[in-house]
Amino acid sequence: MTEITDSTPEQPDAPEQPATPDLSTMPDWEKRFRAPRVSLPDWAEDAPDRSLFVSNATGTYELYAWDRATGEQRQATDRPNGTTDGVLPPDGASIWWFSDTDGDEFGIWMRQPFGGGDDEPAAPGLEPSYPAGLAIGRDGTSVVGRSTDEDGTTIHVVRTDAEPVEIYRHRESAGVGDLSHDGTLIAVEHTEHGDAMHSALRVVALDGEPVADLDDTKGGTQELGLEVLGFAPVDGDTRLLIGHQRRGRWEPMIWDVASGTETDLAIDLPGDVNAEWYPDGSGLLVAHSFEARGELFRYDLAKRELVRIETPTGSVSGATARPDGAVEYLWSSAAQPPRVRSTAGGVVLDPPGMK
């Protein structure tokens, strides 16, 4: 065996590192770029005081658990290359996070108690893969999308204390879009037609039996894509909010997967338009991006009326509607780093660390 020796030439001493910056004399514009970042918090549907967010306060992006009832924040993950993919189940009892190897996005879902404790595999029996979507139901059932070079995309239904059951497999890319509020329907984004840039949609039952299909890549002069934005948050409601490109930009539309009815919202705003459900299913929180600025609106589904949500001057890069009717949004400006504000008043979450 040939011995491997270190042949690296001797290097000069590294220059002395500058002292820690003096925050009291640092101009606001510099603080703006040095400040730690924070994401818009996710919250558990049935336990909205339990939230999960991402921050790079430690130098790498990691997941943080936030108990709003007590104000306690806890760093949930700590890995050399960081952790950014995390999900809260509806009951908020645990944190699911994706554990890859050295940032290569190939790994498995892990789970730990919300209040802290040991990590364990969240879906025992599934081999490592690239993630392809995840949805978790109220009864503990999860729908796990996986992608590998050998198998293409597979989707498994994982019930508590049971072996994973494969319900979908295809060589082309696909992913789990959402699970209905009552846990009976799964929305899948897929590219079985072979165009990885433009997805079609399929809704299936938990056993994989097809329920409905929607494909905008057929019969047109250009390829058009669809995306899943979420099922209505009401038991037994078969409305699925989706994004489409039928007018040359991204817009929301409601597709009732049981009746096949498509409701075009025709929101008259320039630029791309995104949306998510209000928690009671009566309206949509509309996010509008145009000329590097973000705006928020509430769309009342009964009145088909769009009402502006006032936000301070700056940029809005994400928003979510809370059960009490308030809207939280990730806001920044030329002078201020990203922070989470609320229409109920003021800042609800500052980046940890430098202020």
Protein backbone atom coordinates (compact mmCIF):
# COMPACT_ATOMS: atom_id res chain seq x y z
CA MET A 1 0.00 0.00 0.00
CA THR A 2 1.37 3.39 -0.99
CA GLU A 3 1.57 5.79 1.90
CA ILE A 4 -0.21 9.08 1.27
CA THR A 5 1.71 12.06 2.61
CA ASP A 6 0.80 15.71 2.87
CA SER A 7 2.70 17.47 0.07
CA THR A 8 0.94 20.82 0.47
CA PRO A 9 3.58 23.60 0.53
CA GLU A 10 3.91 25.61 3.70
CA GLN A 11 1.51 28.53 3.74
CA PRO A 12 2.14 31.96 5.25
CA ASP A 13 0.36 32.83 8.45
CA ALA A 14 -3.27 33.83 7.91
CA PRO A 15 -3.96 37.52 8.34
CA GLU A 16 -5.36 38.53 11.69
CA GLN A 17 -9.15 38.51 11.70
CA PRO A 18 -10.90 41.84 12.28
CA ALA A 19 -12.55 42.42 15.62
CA THR A 20 -16.28 41.89 16.04
CA PRO A 21 -18.08 44.84 14.41
CA ASP A 22 -19.24 47.58 16.75
CA LEU A 23 -23.03 47.59 16.30
CA SER A 24 -23.39 50.98 17.94
CA THR A 25 -21.42 52.65 15.15
CA MET A 26 -22.53 50.42 12.26
CA PRO A 27 -24.78 52.23 9.74
CA ASP A 28 -28.29 50.87 9.18
CA TRP A 29 -27.55 49.89 5.57
CA GLU A 30 -24.73 47.61 6.76
CA LYS A 31 -26.89 46.08 9.50
CA ARG A 32 -29.45 45.42 6.78
CA PHE A 33 -27.03 43.07 5.00
CA ARG A 34 -25.30 41.54 8.04
CA ALA A 35 -28.48 40.75 9.96
CA PRO A 36 -29.55 37.10 10.37
CA ARG A 37 -32.50 36.01 8.25
CA VAL A 38 -35.76 34.42 9.29
CA SER A 39 -38.46 32.67 7.25
CA LEU A 40 -42.21 33.05 7.44
CA PRO A 41 -43.30 30.66 10.22
CA ASP A 42 -45.37 27.61 9.43
CA TRP A 43 -48.02 26.72 12.03
CA ALA A 44 -49.90 23.57 13.02
CA GLU A 45 -53.47 23.67 11.69
CA ASP A 46 -55.06 22.27 14.86
CA ALA A 47 -52.54 23.81 17.28
CA PRO A 48 -51.80 27.26 15.81
CA ASP A 49 -49.69 28.34 18.80
CA ARG A 50 -47.05 25.87 17.63
CA SER A 51 -44.91 27.25 14.82
CA LEU A 52 -41.77 26.32 12.91
CA PHE A 53 -39.39 28.69 11.15
CA VAL A 54 -35.93 28.75 9.56
CA SER A 55 -33.11 31.11 10.54
CA ASN A 56 -29.39 31.41 9.84
CA ALA A 57 -28.62 32.98 13.24
CA THR A 58 -25.94 30.33 13.89
CA GLY A 59 -24.28 30.79 10.48
CA THR A 60 -26.20 27.97 8.80
CA TYR A 61 -29.93 27.74 8.15
CA GLU A 62 -31.61 25.59 10.82
CA LEU A 63 -35.15 24.86 12.00
CA TYR A 64 -36.54 26.56 15.11
CA ALA A 65 -39.61 25.57 17.13
CA TRP A 66 -41.64 28.50 18.45
CA ASP A 67 -44.29 28.09 21.16
CA ARG A 68 -46.36 31.24 20.80
CA ALA A 69 -48.25 30.58 24.02
CA THR A 70 -45.08 30.84 26.11
CA GLY A 71 -42.87 32.80 23.70
CA GLU A 72 -40.20 30.10 23.90
CA GLN A 73 -38.02 29.52 20.83
CA ARG A 74 -35.86 26.43 20.48
CA GLN A 75 -33.32 25.46 17.83
CA ALA A 76 -34.57 22.07 16.67
CA THR A 77 -31.76 21.04 14.31
CA ASP A 78 -28.00 21.58 14.28
CA ARG A 79 -26.04 20.14 11.36
CA PRO A 80 -22.83 21.25 9.60
CA ASN A 81 -24.59 22.06 6.33
CA GLY A 82 -27.85 23.27 7.83
CA THR A 83 -31.46 22.11 7.64
CA THR A 84 -34.25 23.87 5.77
CA ASP A 85 -37.00 21.33 5.07
CA GLY A 86 -39.40 20.94 7.99
CA VAL A 87 -43.12 20.26 8.44
CA LEU A 88 -45.54 20.42 11.37
CA PRO A 89 -48.34 17.82 11.45
CA PRO A 90 -51.84 19.23 12.10
CA ASP A 91 -51.64 18.44 15.84
CA GLY A 92 -48.24 20.14 16.22
CA ALA A 93 -47.01 17.30 18.43
CA SER A 94 -43.81 16.74 16.46
CA ILE A 95 -41.47 18.25 13.90
CA TRP A 96 -40.70 16.39 10.69
CA TRP A 97 -37.38 17.37 9.12
CA PHE A 98 -35.44 16.06 6.15
CA SER A 99 -32.06 14.59 6.99
CA ASP A 100 -29.69 14.46 4.03
CA THR A 101 -25.94 13.84 3.80
CA ASP A 102 -23.71 16.90 3.57
CA GLY A 103 -26.38 18.98 1.83
CA ASP A 104 -26.87 16.58 -1.11
CA GLU A 105 -30.70 16.47 -0.64
CA PHE A 106 -30.61 12.66 -0.49
CA GLY A 107 -31.87 11.16 2.76
CA ILE A 108 -34.90 10.37 4.91
CA TRP A 109 -37.53 12.20 6.95
CA MET A 110 -36.83 12.34 10.68
CA ARG A 111 -39.16 13.29 13.53
CA GLN A 112 -38.68 14.79 16.98
CA PRO A 113 -41.14 15.94 19.69
CA PHE A 114 -42.10 19.60 19.36
CA GLY A 115 -40.79 20.35 22.84
CA GLY A 116 -37.48 18.60 22.18
CA GLY A 117 -36.19 15.07 22.48
CA ASP A 118 -34.63 12.29 20.44
CA ASP A 119 -34.90 12.17 16.66
CA GLU A 120 -36.26 9.02 15.03
CA PRO A 121 -37.09 7.96 11.46
CA ALA A 122 -40.54 9.35 10.66
CA ALA A 123 -41.39 6.73 8.04
CA PRO A 124 -39.58 3.50 8.95
CA GLY A 125 -39.18 1.14 6.03
CA LEU A 126 -38.50 3.77 3.37
CA GLU A 127 -34.99 3.85 1.98
CA PRO A 128 -33.11 7.15 1.45
CA SER A 129 -34.15 9.18 -1.58
CA TYR A 130 -34.58 12.68 -2.91
CA PRO A 131 -37.72 14.24 -1.42
CA ALA A 132 -40.79 14.50 -3.66
CA GLY A 133 -43.39 16.09 -1.42
CA LEU A 134 -44.90 15.29 1.96
CA ALA A 135 -48.39 15.56 3.43
CA ILE A 136 -49.52 14.54 6.93
CA GLY A 137 -53.10 13.82 7.98
CA ARG A 138 -54.96 14.33 11.23
CA ASP A 139 -55.00 10.63 12.05
CA GLY A 140 -51.21 10.36 11.73
CA THR A 141 -51.26 8.98 8.19
CA SER A 142 -48.54 10.48 6.01
CA VAL A 143 -48.06 10.57 2.25
CA VAL A 144 -44.37 10.52 1.33
CA GLY A 145 -43.02 11.25 -2.14
CA ARG A 146 -39.61 9.81 -3.07
CA SER A 147 -37.35 10.11 -6.10
CA THR A 148 -34.31 8.02 -7.04
CA ASP A 149 -32.28 7.55 -10.20
CA GLU A 150 -33.19 3.86 -10.26
CA ASP A 151 -36.94 3.99 -9.58
CA GLY A 152 -38.04 7.42 -10.75
CA THR A 153 -40.79 8.76 -8.49
CA THR A 154 -42.73 6.69 -5.96
CA ILE A 155 -45.40 7.78 -3.51
CA HIS A 156 -46.12 5.85 -0.32
CA VAL A 157 -48.94 6.01 2.21
CA VAL A 158 -47.57 5.43 5.71
CA ARG A 159 -50.05 4.64 8.46
CA THR A 160 -49.16 4.55 12.15
CA ASP A 161 -47.47 1.27 13.12
CA ALA A 162 -47.82 -0.16 9.61
CA GLU A 163 -45.47 -0.80 6.70
CA PRO A 164 -45.41 1.86 3.95
CA VAL A 165 -47.69 1.08 0.99
CA GLU A 166 -46.65 2.18 -2.48
CA ILE A 167 -49.58 3.78 -4.36
CA TYR A 168 -47.78 5.47 -7.27
CA ARG A 169 -44.71 4.86 -9.43
CA HIS A 170 -43.47 6.45 -12.65
CA ARG A 171 -40.14 7.03 -14.38
CA GLU A 172 -40.91 10.72 -14.89
CA SER A 173 -40.82 13.26 -12.08
CA ALA A 174 -43.82 13.72 -9.79
CA GLY A 175 -44.57 14.87 -6.28
CA VAL A 176 -47.11 14.97 -3.48
CA GLY A 177 -49.10 18.22 -3.69
CA ASP A 178 -51.49 17.99 -0.75
CA LEU A 179 -53.77 15.76 1.33
CA SER A 180 -57.42 16.73 1.74
CA HIS A 181 -58.59 18.01 5.13
CA ASP A 182 -60.40 14.73 5.89
CA GLY A 183 -57.43 12.66 4.71
CA THR A 184 -59.24 10.84 1.88
CA LEU A 185 -57.76 12.44 -1.26
CA ILE A 186 -54.18 13.01 -2.44
CA ALA A 187 -53.27 15.63 -5.04
CA VAL A 188 -50.26 14.68 -7.17
CA GLU A 189 -48.24 16.87 -9.54
CA HIS A 190 -46.77 14.72 -12.32
CA THR A 191 -44.96 14.92 -15.66
CA GLU A 192 -45.92 11.57 -17.12
CA HIS A 193 -46.24 13.32 -20.51
CA GLY A 194 -42.46 13.81 -20.47
CA ASP A 195 -42.20 17.59 -20.06
CA ALA A 196 -40.49 18.13 -16.71
CA MET A 197 -41.13 21.89 -16.85
CA HIS A 198 -44.94 21.70 -17.00
CA SER A 199 -46.80 19.51 -14.51
CA ALA A 200 -50.25 17.98 -14.86
CA LEU A 201 -52.44 17.11 -11.86
CA ARG A 202 -54.01 13.87 -10.67
CA VAL A 203 -56.11 13.31 -7.57
CA VAL A 204 -56.14 9.79 -6.15
CA ALA A 205 -57.66 7.98 -3.19
CA LEU A 206 -55.41 6.63 -0.44
CA ASP A 207 -55.20 3.30 -2.27
CA GLY A 208 -53.95 5.04 -5.41
CA GLU A 209 -57.22 4.76 -7.33
CA PRO A 210 -57.56 7.76 -9.70
CA VAL A 211 -60.33 10.24 -8.90
CA ALA A 212 -59.72 13.13 -11.30
CA ASP A 213 -57.15 14.42 -13.82
CA LEU A 214 -56.34 17.89 -15.12
CA ASP A 215 -53.72 18.43 -17.82
CA ASP A 216 -53.06 21.75 -19.56
CA THR A 217 -50.26 20.34 -21.72
CA LYS A 218 -52.74 18.82 -24.20
CA GLY A 219 -54.28 20.43 -27.27
CA GLY A 220 -52.72 23.88 -26.95
CA THR A 221 -50.26 25.89 -28.99
CA GLN A 222 -47.85 26.05 -26.05
CA GLU A 223 -47.04 23.93 -23.08
CA LEU A 224 -48.81 25.10 -19.92
CA GLY A 225 -48.19 23.95 -16.36
CA LEU A 226 -50.33 23.47 -13.27
CA GLU A 227 -49.43 23.44 -9.58
CA VAL A 228 -51.19 22.41 -6.38
CA LEU A 229 -51.85 25.25 -3.91
CA GLY A 230 -53.94 23.24 -1.44
CA PHE A 231 -57.25 21.56 -0.67
CA ALA A 232 -59.97 23.60 1.02
CA PRO A 233 -59.44 23.40 4.82
CA VAL A 234 -62.89 21.92 5.48
CA ASP A 235 -63.89 18.28 6.04
CA GLY A 236 -65.64 16.77 3.02
CA ASP A 237 -64.76 19.75 0.80
CA THR A 238 -63.42 18.58 -2.55
CA ARG A 239 -62.31 22.00 -3.82
CA LEU A 240 -58.63 22.16 -4.75
CA LEU A 241 -56.89 25.50 -5.17
CA ILE A 242 -54.44 25.31 -8.07
CA GLY A 243 -52.15 27.59 -10.06
CA HIS A 244 -52.40 27.78 -13.86
CA GLN A 245 -50.72 29.61 -16.78
CA ARG A 246 -53.60 29.90 -19.23
CA ARG A 247 -53.19 33.65 -19.66
CA GLY A 248 -49.40 33.71 -19.83
CA ARG A 249 -48.77 34.17 -16.11
CA TRP A 250 -49.37 32.26 -12.88
CA GLU A 251 -52.92 32.72 -11.53
CA PRO A 252 -55.08 30.82 -9.00
CA MET A 253 -58.17 28.80 -9.89
CA ILE A 254 -60.47 26.48 -7.93
CA TRP A 255 -61.02 22.96 -9.24
CA ASP A 256 -63.73 20.81 -7.62
CA VAL A 257 -62.23 17.35 -8.09
CA ALA A 258 -65.55 15.61 -7.38
CA SER A 259 -67.72 17.49 -9.92
CA GLY A 260 -64.95 18.57 -12.29
CA THR A 261 -66.08 22.21 -12.06
CA GLU A 262 -63.37 24.81 -12.69
CA THR A 263 -63.92 28.27 -11.17
CA ASP A 264 -61.83 30.94 -12.87
CA LEU A 265 -61.18 33.74 -10.37
CA ALA A 266 -59.99 36.18 -13.06
CA ILE A 267 -58.15 38.42 -10.60
CA ASP A 268 -57.34 41.63 -12.45
CA LEU A 269 -53.80 42.38 -11.28
CA PRO A 270 -50.60 42.70 -13.37
CA GLY A 271 -47.84 40.14 -12.90
CA ASP A 272 -47.94 36.73 -11.24
CA VAL A 273 -50.64 36.02 -8.66
CA ASN A 274 -50.49 33.36 -5.95
CA ALA A 275 -53.05 32.41 -3.30
CA GLU A 276 -53.78 30.25 -0.27
CA TRP A 277 -56.94 29.48 1.69
CA TYR A 278 -58.10 31.38 4.72
CA PRO A 279 -58.48 28.80 7.52
CA ASP A 280 -62.31 28.78 7.34
CA GLY A 281 -62.37 28.26 3.56
CA SER A 282 -64.45 31.40 2.92
CA GLY A 283 -61.77 33.36 1.13
CA LEU A 284 -58.30 33.41 -0.32
CA LEU A 285 -55.19 35.28 0.75
CA VAL A 286 -53.85 36.62 -2.55
CA ALA A 287 -50.17 37.50 -2.94
CA HIS A 288 -49.33 39.66 -5.93
CA SER A 289 -45.81 40.25 -7.21
CA PHE A 290 -45.09 42.97 -9.78
CA GLU A 291 -42.04 45.13 -10.52
CA ALA A 292 -40.13 43.80 -7.48
CA ARG A 293 -42.92 44.65 -5.05
CA GLY A 294 -45.32 42.37 -3.23
CA GLU A 295 -48.92 43.19 -2.32
CA LEU A 296 -51.57 41.31 -0.33
CA PHE A 297 -55.33 41.05 -0.85
CA ARG A 298 -58.26 39.08 0.53
CA TYR A 299 -60.51 37.53 -2.10
CA ASP A 300 -64.03 36.86 -0.80
CA LEU A 301 -65.29 33.78 -2.63
CA ALA A 302 -69.00 34.50 -2.02
CA LYS A 303 -68.83 38.12 -3.19
CA ARG A 304 -66.01 37.53 -5.71
CA GLU A 305 -64.51 40.68 -4.29
CA LEU A 306 -60.83 41.63 -3.93
CA VAL A 307 -59.89 43.82 -0.94
CA ARG A 308 -56.39 45.19 -0.38
CA ILE A 309 -54.57 44.34 2.85
CA GLU A 310 -52.51 47.33 3.91
CA THR A 311 -48.80 46.74 4.59
CA PRO A 312 -45.94 49.17 5.29
CA THR A 313 -43.84 50.44 2.40
CA GLY A 314 -41.37 47.73 1.46
CA SER A 315 -41.34 44.24 -0.01
CA VAL A 316 -43.62 41.35 0.99
CA SER A 317 -42.14 37.96 0.09
CA GLY A 318 -44.58 35.57 1.80
CA ALA A 319 -47.79 35.58 3.81
CA THR A 320 -50.16 33.31 5.71
CA ALA A 321 -53.65 33.78 7.17
CA ARG A 322 -54.07 32.88 10.83
CA PRO A 323 -57.23 31.38 12.44
CA ASP A 324 -58.05 34.69 14.18
CA GLY A 325 -58.25 36.45 10.80
CA ALA A 326 -54.90 38.22 11.08
CA VAL A 327 -52.38 37.89 8.26
CA GLU A 328 -48.69 37.40 8.98
CA TYR A 329 -46.21 38.32 6.27
CA LEU A 330 -42.46 38.34 5.68
CA TRP A 331 -41.51 41.97 5.12
CA SER A 332 -38.31 43.86 4.39
CA SER A 333 -37.23 47.24 3.09
CA ALA A 334 -34.07 48.90 1.84
CA ALA A 335 -33.16 49.76 5.44
CA GLN A 336 -34.64 46.84 7.40
CA PRO A 337 -33.85 43.09 7.18
CA PRO A 338 -36.64 40.53 6.76
CA ARG A 339 -38.97 40.23 9.75
CA VAL A 340 -42.43 38.82 10.25
CA ARG A 341 -45.17 41.39 10.70
CA SER A 342 -48.89 40.98 11.39
CA THR A 343 -51.95 42.93 10.29
CA ALA A 344 -52.96 42.69 13.96
CA GLY A 345 -50.13 45.13 14.64
CA GLY A 346 -46.35 45.30 14.64
CA VAL A 347 -43.57 42.75 14.34
CA VAL A 348 -44.31 39.23 15.61
CA LEU A 349 -40.95 37.63 14.80
CA ASP A 350 -37.55 39.33 14.46
CA PRO A 351 -34.46 37.52 13.19
CA PRO A 352 -32.56 36.06 16.16
CA GLY A 353 -29.26 37.72 16.96
CA MET A 354 -28.40 41.13 15.61
CA LYS A 355 -31.20 43.70 15.77
